[in-house]
Amino acid sequence: MSEARTGKRFPLELPIKIHKEDAGADSKGLTGNLSAAGVYIRADASLEVGSPVEFEITLPPDVTGGQENVVIQCKGRVVRTDPAGGDEGRGVACVIDSYEFVRNA
C-alpha cells in the first residue's frame, strides 16, 4: 500500500469540535495528529468516507506561544475511518481543503 500522506505530521492532542450538516448536534473529540494538509481525529462521531466535514481546532497558548486560545475553522473531507478504539472513539482521517483563523470578539 502506498503512502498517501504529504507534509510533516505533528502528534498533537488538541480539542476539536465537529459540525455535522445532517444532525443538529456537534461532536467533540481530540486530534491524534495534525498537518497542513489533514488531521486525524479521535471522536465519537459517525462520519462516512467521502463525506464533507467542517470542524474547529483549538490551539492553546502553550502551542502557539500567544496569550489566549486560537481557533481554526476547517472544511474538508473524510478520507478514512478506523474502528472504535476504546474510550477514544472512532478514528477519522480528514483532508483539509480550506481553513481560516477565527478572531475572538
PDB file of N, CA and C in Angstrom:
ATOM      1  N   MET A   1       0.851  -1.188   0.000  1.00  0.00           N
ATOM      2  CA  MET A   1       0.000   0.000   0.000  1.00  0.00           C
ATOM      3  C   MET A   1       0.888   1.239   0.000  1.00  0.00           C
ATOM      4  N   SER A   2       0.651   2.155  -0.887  1.00  0.00           N
ATOM      5  CA  SER A   2       1.479   3.346  -0.972  1.00  0.00           C
ATOM      6  C   SER A   2       1.048   4.374   0.078  1.00  0.00           C
ATOM      7  N   GLU A   3       1.983   5.184   0.475  1.00  0.00           N
ATOM      8  CA  GLU A   3       1.742   6.218   1.488  1.00  0.00           C
ATOM      9  C   GLU A   3       1.123   7.432   0.810  1.00  0.00           C
ATOM     10  N   ALA A   4      -0.103   7.807   1.218  1.00  0.00           N
ATOM     11  CA  ALA A   4      -0.820   8.914   0.588  1.00  0.00           C
ATOM     12  C   ALA A   4      -0.595  10.233   1.317  1.00  0.00           C
ATOM     13  N   ARG A   5      -0.002  10.175   2.505  1.00  0.00           N
ATOM     14  CA  ARG A   5       0.160  11.395   3.299  1.00  0.00           C
ATOM     15  C   ARG A   5       1.238  12.295   2.716  1.00  0.00           C
ATOM     16  N   THR A   6       1.015  13.588   2.862  1.00  0.00           N
ATOM     17  CA  THR A   6       2.019  14.561   2.447  1.00  0.00           C
ATOM     18  C   THR A   6       2.241  15.531   3.594  1.00  0.00           C
ATOM     19  N   GLY A   7       3.437  16.065   3.692  1.00  0.00           N
ATOM     20  CA  GLY A   7       3.728  17.052   4.724  1.00  0.00           C
ATOM     21  C   GLY A   7       4.035  16.412   6.066  1.00  0.00           C
ATOM     22  N   LYS A   8       4.640  17.187   6.926  1.00  0.00           N
ATOM     23  CA  LYS A   8       5.012  16.723   8.256  1.00  0.00           C
ATOM     24  C   LYS A   8       3.793  16.688   9.159  1.00  0.00           C
ATOM     25  N   ARG A   9       3.651  15.582   9.893  1.00  0.00           N
ATOM     26  CA  ARG A   9       2.562  15.438  10.855  1.00  0.00           C
ATOM     27  C   ARG A   9       3.089  15.717  12.250  1.00  0.00           C
ATOM     28  N   PHE A  10       2.277  16.381  13.044  1.00  0.00           N
ATOM     29  CA  PHE A  10       2.629  16.700  14.418  1.00  0.00           C
ATOM     30  C   PHE A  10       1.687  15.936  15.350  1.00  0.00           C
ATOM     31  N   PRO A  11       2.231  15.145  16.279  1.00  0.00           N
ATOM     32  CA  PRO A  11       1.387  14.357  17.183  1.00  0.00           C
ATOM     33  C   PRO A  11       0.823  15.222  18.303  1.00  0.00           C
ATOM     34  N   LEU A  12      -0.233  15.951  17.992  1.00  0.00           N
ATOM     35  CA  LEU A  12      -0.832  16.881  18.956  1.00  0.00           C
ATOM     36  C   LEU A  12      -2.231  16.428  19.336  1.00  0.00           C
ATOM     37  N   GLU A  13      -2.493  16.360  20.625  1.00  0.00           N
ATOM     38  CA  GLU A  13      -3.851  16.090  21.109  1.00  0.00           C
ATOM     39  C   GLU A  13      -4.493  17.426  21.459  1.00  0.00           C
ATOM     40  N   LEU A  14      -5.308  17.911  20.536  1.00  0.00           N
ATOM     41  CA  LEU A  14      -5.957  19.208  20.692  1.00  0.00           C
ATOM     42  C   LEU A  14      -7.463  19.024  20.646  1.00  0.00           C
ATOM     43  N   PRO A  15      -8.205  19.865  21.388  1.00  0.00           N
ATOM     44  CA  PRO A  15      -9.668  19.783  21.334  1.00  0.00           C
ATOM     45  C   PRO A  15     -10.184  20.117  19.934  1.00  0.00           C
ATOM     46  N   ILE A  16     -11.175  19.342  19.503  1.00  0.00           N
ATOM     47  CA  ILE A  16     -11.771  19.577  18.189  1.00  0.00           C
ATOM     48  C   ILE A  16     -13.284  19.455  18.315  1.00  0.00           C
ATOM     49  N   LYS A  17     -13.983  20.314  17.576  1.00  0.00           N
ATOM     50  CA  LYS A  17     -15.450  20.274  17.533  1.00  0.00           C
ATOM     51  C   LYS A  17     -15.851  20.028  16.085  1.00  0.00           C
ATOM     52  N   ILE A  18     -16.616  18.957  15.869  1.00  0.00           N
ATOM     53  CA  ILE A  18     -17.029  18.560  14.522  1.00  0.00           C
ATOM     54  C   ILE A  18     -18.467  18.998  14.299  1.00  0.00           C
ATOM     55  N   HIS A  19     -18.689  19.764  13.231  1.00  0.00           N
ATOM     56  CA  HIS A  19     -20.034  20.227  12.879  1.00  0.00           C
ATOM     57  C   HIS A  19     -20.615  19.255  11.857  1.00  0.00           C
ATOM     58  N   LYS A  20     -21.778  18.738  12.151  1.00  0.00           N
ATOM     59  CA  LYS A  20     -22.432  17.810  11.226  1.00  0.00           C
ATOM     60  C   LYS A  20     -23.549  18.531  10.487  1.00  0.00           C
ATOM     61  N   GLU A  21     -23.556  18.391   9.172  1.00  0.00           N
ATOM     62  CA  GLU A  21     -24.594  19.043   8.361  1.00  0.00           C
ATOM     63  C   GLU A  21     -25.950  18.382   8.553  1.00  0.00           C
ATOM     64  N   ASP A  22     -25.956  17.042   8.653  1.00  0.00           N
ATOM     65  CA  ASP A  22     -27.226  16.322   8.704  1.00  0.00           C
ATOM     66  C   ASP A  22     -27.802  16.198  10.108  1.00  0.00           C
ATOM     67  N   ALA A  23     -27.032  16.568  11.127  1.00  0.00           N
ATOM     68  CA  ALA A  23     -27.520  16.484  12.510  1.00  0.00           C
ATOM     69  C   ALA A  23     -27.315  17.833  13.190  1.00  0.00           C
ATOM     70  N   GLY A  24     -28.196  18.140  14.098  1.00  0.00           N
ATOM     71  CA  GLY A  24     -28.112  19.435  14.760  1.00  0.00           C
ATOM     72  C   GLY A  24     -27.003  19.532  15.790  1.00  0.00           C
ATOM     73  N   ALA A  25     -26.579  18.395  16.351  1.00  0.00           N
ATOM     74  CA  ALA A  25     -25.605  18.420  17.439  1.00  0.00           C
ATOM     75  C   ALA A  25     -24.180  18.300  16.906  1.00  0.00           C
ATOM     76  N   ASP A  26     -23.272  19.040  17.522  1.00  0.00           N
ATOM     77  CA  ASP A  26     -21.859  18.929  17.203  1.00  0.00           C
ATOM     78  C   ASP A  26     -21.262  17.780  18.008  1.00  0.00           C
ATOM     79  N   SER A  27     -20.172  17.217  17.498  1.00  0.00           N
ATOM     80  CA  SER A  27     -19.429  16.187  18.214  1.00  0.00           C
ATOM     81  C   SER A  27     -18.110  16.780  18.671  1.00  0.00           C
ATOM     82  N   LYS A  28     -17.611  16.284  19.795  1.00  0.00           N
ATOM     83  CA  LYS A  28     -16.321  16.737  20.298  1.00  0.00           C
ATOM     84  C   LYS A  28     -15.349  15.580  20.303  1.00  0.00           C
ATOM     85  N   GLY A  29     -14.075  15.894  20.211  1.00  0.00           N
ATOM     86  CA  GLY A  29     -13.051  14.869  20.220  1.00  0.00           C
ATOM     87  C   GLY A  29     -11.684  15.488  20.395  1.00  0.00           C
ATOM     88  N   LEU A  30     -10.668  14.719  20.050  1.00  0.00           N
ATOM     89  CA  LEU A  30      -9.280  15.173  20.122  1.00  0.00           C
ATOM     90  C   LEU A  30      -8.593  14.853  18.804  1.00  0.00           C
ATOM     91  N   THR A  31      -7.645  15.693  18.435  1.00  0.00           N
ATOM     92  CA  THR A  31      -6.817  15.361  17.283  1.00  0.00           C
ATOM     93  C   THR A  31      -5.811  14.307  17.725  1.00  0.00           C
ATOM     94  N   GLY A  32      -5.436  13.433  16.806  1.00  0.00           N
ATOM     95  CA  GLY A  32      -4.373  12.467  17.070  1.00  0.00           C
ATOM     96  C   GLY A  32      -3.075  12.964  16.482  1.00  0.00           C
ATOM     97  N   ASN A  33      -3.161  13.524  15.288  1.00  0.00           N
ATOM     98  CA  ASN A  33      -2.037  14.234  14.690  1.00  0.00           C
ATOM     99  C   ASN A  33      -2.590  15.241  13.703  1.00  0.00           C
ATOM    100  N   LEU A  34      -1.735  16.186  13.334  1.00  0.00           N
ATOM    101  CA  LEU A  34      -2.167  17.328  12.540  1.00  0.00           C
ATOM    102  C   LEU A  34      -1.063  17.700  11.573  1.00  0.00           C
ATOM    103  N   SER A  35      -1.444  18.027  10.344  1.00  0.00           N
ATOM    104  CA  SER A  35      -0.505  18.557   9.363  1.00  0.00           C
ATOM    105  C   SER A  35      -1.201  19.685   8.618  1.00  0.00           C
ATOM    106  N   ALA A  36      -0.478  20.337   7.731  1.00  0.00           N
ATOM    107  CA  ALA A  36      -1.083  21.420   6.944  1.00  0.00           C
ATOM    108  C   ALA A  36      -2.153  20.882   6.002  1.00  0.00           C
ATOM    109  N   ALA A  37      -2.059  19.611   5.637  1.00  0.00           N
ATOM    110  CA  ALA A  37      -2.984  19.040   4.659  1.00  0.00           C
ATOM    111  C   ALA A  37      -4.114  18.228   5.268  1.00  0.00           C
ATOM    112  N   GLY A  38      -3.971  17.821   6.536  1.00  0.00           N
ATOM    113  CA  GLY A  38      -5.003  16.969   7.099  1.00  0.00           C
ATOM    114  C   GLY A  38      -4.901  16.802   8.599  1.00  0.00           C
ATOM    115  N   VAL A  39      -5.870  16.041   9.125  1.00  0.00           N
ATOM    116  CA  VAL A  39      -5.940  15.813  10.567  1.00  0.00           C
ATOM    117  C   VAL A  39      -6.498  14.423  10.820  1.00  0.00           C
ATOM    118  N   TYR A  40      -5.994  13.793  11.880  1.00  0.00           N
ATOM    119  CA  TYR A  40      -6.553  12.532  12.345  1.00  0.00           C
ATOM    120  C   TYR A  40      -7.301  12.829  13.628  1.00  0.00           C
ATOM    121  N   ILE A  41      -8.571  12.451  13.673  1.00  0.00           N
ATOM    122  CA  ILE A  41      -9.460  12.802  14.779  1.00  0.00           C
ATOM    123  C   ILE A  41      -9.884  11.534  15.507  1.00  0.00           C
ATOM    124  N   ARG A  42      -9.894  11.609  16.826  1.00  0.00           N
ATOM    125  CA  ARG A  42     -10.485  10.543  17.639  1.00  0.00           C
ATOM    126  C   ARG A  42     -11.733  11.139  18.283  1.00  0.00           C
ATOM    127  N   ALA A  43     -12.878  10.666  17.830  1.00  0.00           N
ATOM    128  CA  ALA A  43     -14.146  11.226  18.313  1.00  0.00           C
ATOM    129  C   ALA A  43     -15.246  10.186  18.183  1.00  0.00           C
ATOM    130  N   ASP A  44     -16.285  10.387  18.947  1.00  0.00           N
ATOM    131  CA  ASP A  44     -17.450   9.512  18.865  1.00  0.00           C
ATOM    132  C   ASP A  44     -18.422  10.107  17.855  1.00  0.00           C
ATOM    133  N   ALA A  45     -17.987  10.155  16.610  1.00  0.00           N
ATOM    134  CA  ALA A  45     -18.793  10.746  15.536  1.00  0.00           C
ATOM    135  C   ALA A  45     -18.895   9.738  14.404  1.00  0.00           C
ATOM    136  N   SER A  46     -20.071   9.613  13.828  1.00  0.00           N
ATOM    137  CA  SER A  46     -20.239   8.701  12.695  1.00  0.00           C
ATOM    138  C   SER A  46     -20.102   9.499  11.406  1.00  0.00           C
ATOM    139  N   LEU A  47     -18.938   9.400  10.800  1.00  0.00           N
ATOM    140  CA  LEU A  47     -18.646  10.099   9.555  1.00  0.00           C
ATOM    141  C   LEU A  47     -18.295   9.062   8.497  1.00  0.00           C
ATOM    142  N   GLU A  48     -18.796   9.275   7.299  1.00  0.00           N
ATOM    143  CA  GLU A  48     -18.578   8.322   6.212  1.00  0.00           C
ATOM    144  C   GLU A  48     -17.459   8.803   5.300  1.00  0.00           C
ATOM    145  N   VAL A  49     -16.686   7.857   4.764  1.00  0.00           N
ATOM    146  CA  VAL A  49     -15.616   8.181   3.816  1.00  0.00           C
ATOM    147  C   VAL A  49     -16.220   8.911   2.621  1.00  0.00           C
ATOM    148  N   GLY A  50     -15.596  10.016   2.246  1.00  0.00           N
ATOM    149  CA  GLY A  50     -16.057  10.821   1.117  1.00  0.00           C
ATOM    150  C   GLY A  50     -16.984  11.950   1.509  1.00  0.00           C
ATOM    151  N   SER A  51     -17.486  11.933   2.741  1.00  0.00           N
ATOM    152  CA  SER A  51     -18.429  12.982   3.141  1.00  0.00           C
ATOM    153  C   SER A  51     -17.698  14.268   3.511  1.00  0.00           C
ATOM    154  N   PRO A  52     -18.312  15.428   3.226  1.00  0.00           N
ATOM    155  CA  PRO A  52     -17.717  16.700   3.636  1.00  0.00           C
ATOM    156  C   PRO A  52     -17.845  16.857   5.142  1.00  0.00           C
ATOM    157  N   VAL A  53     -16.905  17.576   5.723  1.00  0.00           N
ATOM    158  CA  VAL A  53     -16.919  17.791   7.164  1.00  0.00           C
ATOM    159  C   VAL A  53     -16.382  19.179   7.482  1.00  0.00           C
ATOM    160  N   GLU A  54     -16.957  19.804   8.490  1.00  0.00           N
ATOM    161  CA  GLU A  54     -16.461  21.077   8.999  1.00  0.00           C
ATOM    162  C   GLU A  54     -16.119  20.876  10.459  1.00  0.00           C
ATOM    163  N   PHE A  55     -15.012  21.460  10.886  1.00  0.00           N
ATOM    164  CA  PHE A  55     -14.598  21.298  12.279  1.00  0.00           C
ATOM    165  C   PHE A  55     -13.773  22.488  12.732  1.00  0.00           C
ATOM    166  N   GLU A  56     -13.688  22.637  14.045  1.00  0.00           N
ATOM    167  CA  GLU A  56     -12.880  23.693  14.666  1.00  0.00           C
ATOM    168  C   GLU A  56     -11.830  23.052  15.549  1.00  0.00           C
ATOM    169  N   ILE A  57     -10.593  23.473  15.378  1.00  0.00           N
ATOM    170  CA  ILE A  57      -9.490  23.007  16.212  1.00  0.00           C
ATOM    171  C   ILE A  57      -9.061  24.168  17.099  1.00  0.00           C
ATOM    172  N   THR A  58      -8.926  23.917  18.392  1.00  0.00           N
ATOM    173  CA  THR A  58      -8.499  24.945  19.341  1.00  0.00           C
ATOM    174  C   THR A  58      -7.033  24.741  19.678  1.00  0.00           C
ATOM    175  N   LEU A  59      -6.222  25.760  19.394  1.00  0.00           N
ATOM    176  CA  LEU A  59      -4.806  25.735  19.733  1.00  0.00           C
ATOM    177  C   LEU A  59      -4.596  26.515  21.025  1.00  0.00           C
ATOM    178  N   PRO A  60      -4.142  25.864  22.097  1.00  0.00           N
ATOM    179  CA  PRO A  60      -3.930  26.574  23.358  1.00  0.00           C
ATOM    180  C   PRO A  60      -2.658  27.420  23.315  1.00  0.00           C
ATOM    181  N   PRO A  61      -2.520  28.368  24.252  1.00  0.00           N
ATOM    182  CA  PRO A  61      -1.352  29.263  24.263  1.00  0.00           C
ATOM    183  C   PRO A  61      -0.012  28.531  24.321  1.00  0.00           C
ATOM    184  N   ASP A  62       0.052  27.384  24.988  1.00  0.00           N
ATOM    185  CA  ASP A  62       1.336  26.679  25.064  1.00  0.00           C
ATOM    186  C   ASP A  62       1.773  26.113  23.715  1.00  0.00           C
ATOM    187  N   VAL A  63       0.848  25.974  22.767  1.00  0.00           N
ATOM    188  CA  VAL A  63       1.184  25.529  21.415  1.00  0.00           C
ATOM    189  C   VAL A  63       1.558  26.713  20.536  1.00  0.00           C
ATOM    190  N   THR A  64       0.818  27.822  20.675  1.00  0.00           N
ATOM    191  CA  THR A  64       1.030  28.973  19.796  1.00  0.00           C
ATOM    192  C   THR A  64       2.061  29.967  20.327  1.00  0.00           C
ATOM    193  N   GLY A  65       2.294  29.932  21.639  1.00  0.00           N
ATOM    194  CA  GLY A  65       3.194  30.929  22.234  1.00  0.00           C
ATOM    195  C   GLY A  65       2.504  32.246  22.489  1.00  0.00           C
ATOM    196  N   GLY A  66       1.191  32.291  22.291  1.00  0.00           N
ATOM    197  CA  GLY A  66       0.425  33.527  22.488  1.00  0.00           C
ATOM    198  C   GLY A  66      -0.152  33.611  23.883  1.00  0.00           C
ATOM    199  N   GLN A  67      -1.116  34.502  24.044  1.00  0.00           N
ATOM    200  CA  GLN A  67      -1.736  34.748  25.341  1.00  0.00           C
ATOM    201  C   GLN A  67      -3.072  34.030  25.519  1.00  0.00           C
ATOM    202  N   GLU A  68      -3.707  33.642  24.413  1.00  0.00           N
ATOM    203  CA  GLU A  68      -5.027  33.017  24.502  1.00  0.00           C
ATOM    204  C   GLU A  68      -5.180  31.951  23.431  1.00  0.00           C
ATOM    205  N   ASN A  69      -6.266  31.178  23.533  1.00  0.00           N
ATOM    206  CA  ASN A  69      -6.550  30.134  22.549  1.00  0.00           C
ATOM    207  C   ASN A  69      -6.708  30.726  21.153  1.00  0.00           C
ATOM    208  N   VAL A  70      -6.297  29.952  20.160  1.00  0.00           N
ATOM    209  CA  VAL A  70      -6.519  30.300  18.766  1.00  0.00           C
ATOM    210  C   VAL A  70      -7.409  29.208  18.181  1.00  0.00           C
ATOM    211  N   VAL A  71      -8.496  29.609  17.508  1.00  0.00           N
ATOM    212  CA  VAL A  71      -9.423  28.648  16.914  1.00  0.00           C
ATOM    213  C   VAL A  71      -9.255  28.693  15.394  1.00  0.00           C
ATOM    214  N   ILE A  72      -9.154  27.501  14.796  1.00  0.00           N
ATOM    215  CA  ILE A  72      -9.053  27.376  13.344  1.00  0.00           C
ATOM    216  C   ILE A  72     -10.308  26.662  12.852  1.00  0.00           C
ATOM    217  N   GLN A  73     -11.054  27.304  11.960  1.00  0.00           N
ATOM    218  CA  GLN A  73     -12.227  26.680  11.339  1.00  0.00           C
ATOM    219  C   GLN A  73     -11.766  26.023  10.043  1.00  0.00           C
ATOM    220  N   CYS A  74     -12.085  24.730   9.905  1.00  0.00           N
ATOM    221  CA  CYS A  74     -11.631  23.965   8.745  1.00  0.00           C
ATOM    222  C   CYS A  74     -12.802  23.348   7.993  1.00  0.00           C
ATOM    223  N   LYS A  75     -12.619  23.214   6.688  1.00  0.00           N
ATOM    224  CA  LYS A  75     -13.541  22.462   5.847  1.00  0.00           C
ATOM    225  C   LYS A  75     -12.711  21.407   5.136  1.00  0.00           C
ATOM    226  N   GLY A  76     -13.268  20.198   5.083  1.00  0.00           N
ATOM    227  CA  GLY A  76     -12.521  19.128   4.444  1.00  0.00           C
ATOM    228  C   GLY A  76     -13.395  17.960   4.092  1.00  0.00           C
ATOM    229  N   ARG A  77     -12.746  16.804   3.902  1.00  0.00           N
ATOM    230  CA  ARG A  77     -13.434  15.578   3.525  1.00  0.00           C
ATOM    231  C   ARG A  77     -12.864  14.415   4.312  1.00  0.00           C
ATOM    232  N   VAL A  78     -13.732  13.461   4.631  1.00  0.00           N
ATOM    233  CA  VAL A  78     -13.294  12.249   5.316  1.00  0.00           C
ATOM    234  C   VAL A  78     -12.633  11.330   4.287  1.00  0.00           C
ATOM    235  N   VAL A  79     -11.408  10.884   4.570  1.00  0.00           N
ATOM    236  CA  VAL A  79     -10.704  10.009   3.634  1.00  0.00           C
ATOM    237  C   VAL A  79     -10.507   8.598   4.192  1.00  0.00           C
ATOM    238  N   ARG A  80     -10.671   8.425   5.510  1.00  0.00           N
ATOM    239  CA  ARG A  80     -10.526   7.104   6.109  1.00  0.00           C
ATOM    240  C   ARG A  80     -11.191   7.070   7.470  1.00  0.00           C
ATOM    241  N   THR A  81     -11.779   5.932   7.821  1.00  0.00           N
ATOM    242  CA  THR A  81     -12.293   5.737   9.172  1.00  0.00           C
ATOM    243  C   THR A  81     -11.696   4.453   9.728  1.00  0.00           C
ATOM    244  N   ASP A  82     -11.434   4.446  11.026  1.00  0.00           N
ATOM    245  CA  ASP A  82     -10.915   3.284  11.721  1.00  0.00           C
ATOM    246  C   ASP A  82     -11.950   2.841  12.741  1.00  0.00           C
ATOM    247  N   PRO A  83     -11.962   1.573  13.111  1.00  0.00           N
ATOM    248  CA  PRO A  83     -12.935   1.108  14.101  1.00  0.00           C
ATOM    249  C   PRO A  83     -12.717   1.757  15.461  1.00  0.00           C
ATOM    250  N   ALA A  84     -13.709   1.598  16.310  1.00  0.00           N
ATOM    251  CA  ALA A  84     -13.643   2.176  17.659  1.00  0.00           C
ATOM    252  C   ALA A  84     -12.384   1.702  18.364  1.00  0.00           C
ATOM    253  N   GLY A  85     -11.770   2.638  19.089  1.00  0.00           N
ATOM    254  CA  GLY A  85     -10.546   2.323  19.809  1.00  0.00           C
ATOM    255  C   GLY A  85     -10.686   2.596  21.284  1.00  0.00           C
ATOM    256  N   GLY A  86     -11.572   1.886  21.957  1.00  0.00           N
ATOM    257  CA  GLY A  86     -11.737   2.047  23.402  1.00  0.00           C
ATOM    258  C   GLY A  86     -12.446   3.337  23.746  1.00  0.00           C
ATOM    259  N   ASP A  87     -11.947   4.031  24.766  1.00  0.00           N
ATOM    260  CA  ASP A  87     -12.573   5.258  25.260  1.00  0.00           C
ATOM    261  C   ASP A  87     -12.409   6.432  24.301  1.00  0.00           C
ATOM    262  N   GLU A  88     -11.502   6.309  23.342  1.00  0.00           N
ATOM    263  CA  GLU A  88     -11.185   7.440  22.469  1.00  0.00           C
ATOM    264  C   GLU A  88     -12.163   7.606  21.319  1.00  0.00           C
ATOM    265  N   GLY A  89     -13.036   6.635  21.087  1.00  0.00           N
ATOM    266  CA  GLY A  89     -13.971   6.736  19.982  1.00  0.00           C
ATOM    267  C   GLY A  89     -13.344   6.277  18.683  1.00  0.00           C
ATOM    268  N   ARG A  90     -14.031   6.530  17.583  1.00  0.00           N
ATOM    269  CA  ARG A  90     -13.551   6.131  16.258  1.00  0.00           C
ATOM    270  C   ARG A  90     -12.422   7.030  15.803  1.00  0.00           C
ATOM    271  N   GLY A  91     -11.587   6.475  14.947  1.00  0.00           N
ATOM    272  CA  GLY A  91     -10.553   7.275  14.305  1.00  0.00           C
ATOM    273  C   GLY A  91     -11.034   7.716  12.946  1.00  0.00           C
ATOM    274  N   VAL A  92     -10.857   8.994  12.635  1.00  0.00           N
ATOM    275  CA  VAL A  92     -11.298   9.538  11.364  1.00  0.00           C
ATOM    276  C   VAL A  92     -10.178  10.393  10.782  1.00  0.00           C
ATOM    277  N   ALA A  93      -9.742  10.062   9.571  1.00  0.00           N
ATOM    278  CA  ALA A  93      -8.730  10.855   8.885  1.00  0.00           C
ATOM    279  C   ALA A  93      -9.426  11.778   7.887  1.00  0.00           C
ATOM    280  N   CYS A  94      -9.094  13.061   7.956  1.00  0.00           N
ATOM    281  CA  CYS A  94      -9.711  14.057   7.068  1.00  0.00           C
ATOM    282  C   CYS A  94      -8.632  14.857   6.355  1.00  0.00           C
ATOM    283  N   VAL A  95      -8.885  15.145   5.092  1.00  0.00           N
ATOM    284  CA  VAL A  95      -8.050  16.078   4.366  1.00  0.00           C
ATOM    285  C   VAL A  95      -8.647  17.465   4.598  1.00  0.00           C
ATOM    286  N   ILE A  96      -7.793  18.475   4.743  1.00  0.00           N
ATOM    287  CA  ILE A  96      -8.258  19.851   4.943  1.00  0.00           C
ATOM    288  C   ILE A  96      -8.220  20.565   3.600  1.00  0.00           C
ATOM    289  N   ASP A  97      -9.401  20.985   3.123  1.00  0.00           N
ATOM    290  CA  ASP A  97      -9.489  21.710   1.853  1.00  0.00           C
ATOM    291  C   ASP A  97      -9.300  23.210   2.041  1.00  0.00           C
ATOM    292  N   SER A  98      -9.811  23.753   3.148  1.00  0.00           N
ATOM    293  CA  SER A  98      -9.655  25.184   3.424  1.00  0.00           C
ATOM    294  C   SER A  98      -9.751  25.403   4.939  1.00  0.00           C
ATOM    295  N   TYR A  99      -9.145  26.486   5.378  1.00  0.00           N
ATOM    296  CA  TYR A  99      -9.214  26.827   6.802  1.00  0.00           C
ATOM    297  C   TYR A  99      -9.073  28.321   6.978  1.00  0.00           C
ATOM    298  N   GLU A 100      -9.538  28.790   8.127  1.00  0.00           N
ATOM    299  CA  GLU A 100      -9.358  30.197   8.475  1.00  0.00           C
ATOM    300  C   GLU A 100      -9.246  30.327   9.988  1.00  0.00           C
ATOM    301  N   PHE A 101      -8.458  31.291  10.408  1.00  0.00           N
ATOM    302  CA  PHE A 101      -8.297  31.572  11.826  1.00  0.00           C
ATOM    303  C   PHE A 101      -9.459  32.442  12.284  1.00  0.00           C
ATOM    304  N   VAL A 102      -9.998  32.131  13.457  1.00  0.00           N
ATOM    305  CA  VAL A 102     -11.142  32.871  13.997  1.00  0.00           C
ATOM    306  C   VAL A 102     -10.633  33.832  15.045  1.00  0.00           C
ATOM    307  N   ARG A 103     -10.989  35.089  14.888  1.00  0.00           N
ATOM    308  CA  ARG A 103     -10.609  36.099  15.888  1.00  0.00           C
ATOM    309  C   ARG A 103     -11.631  36.136  16.993  1.00  0.00           C
ATOM    310  N   ASN A 104     -11.146  36.289  18.217  1.00  0.00           N
ATOM    311  CA  ASN A 104     -12.061  36.462  19.350  1.00  0.00           C
ATOM    312  C   ASN A 104     -12.616  37.865  19.335  1.00  0.00           C
ATOM    313  N   ALA A 105     -13.908  37.981  19.570  1.00  0.00           N
ATOM    314  CA  ALA A 105     -14.555  39.302  19.553  1.00  0.00           C
ATOM    315  C   ALA A 105     -14.320  40.035  20.844  1.00  0.00           C
TER     316      ALA A 105
END
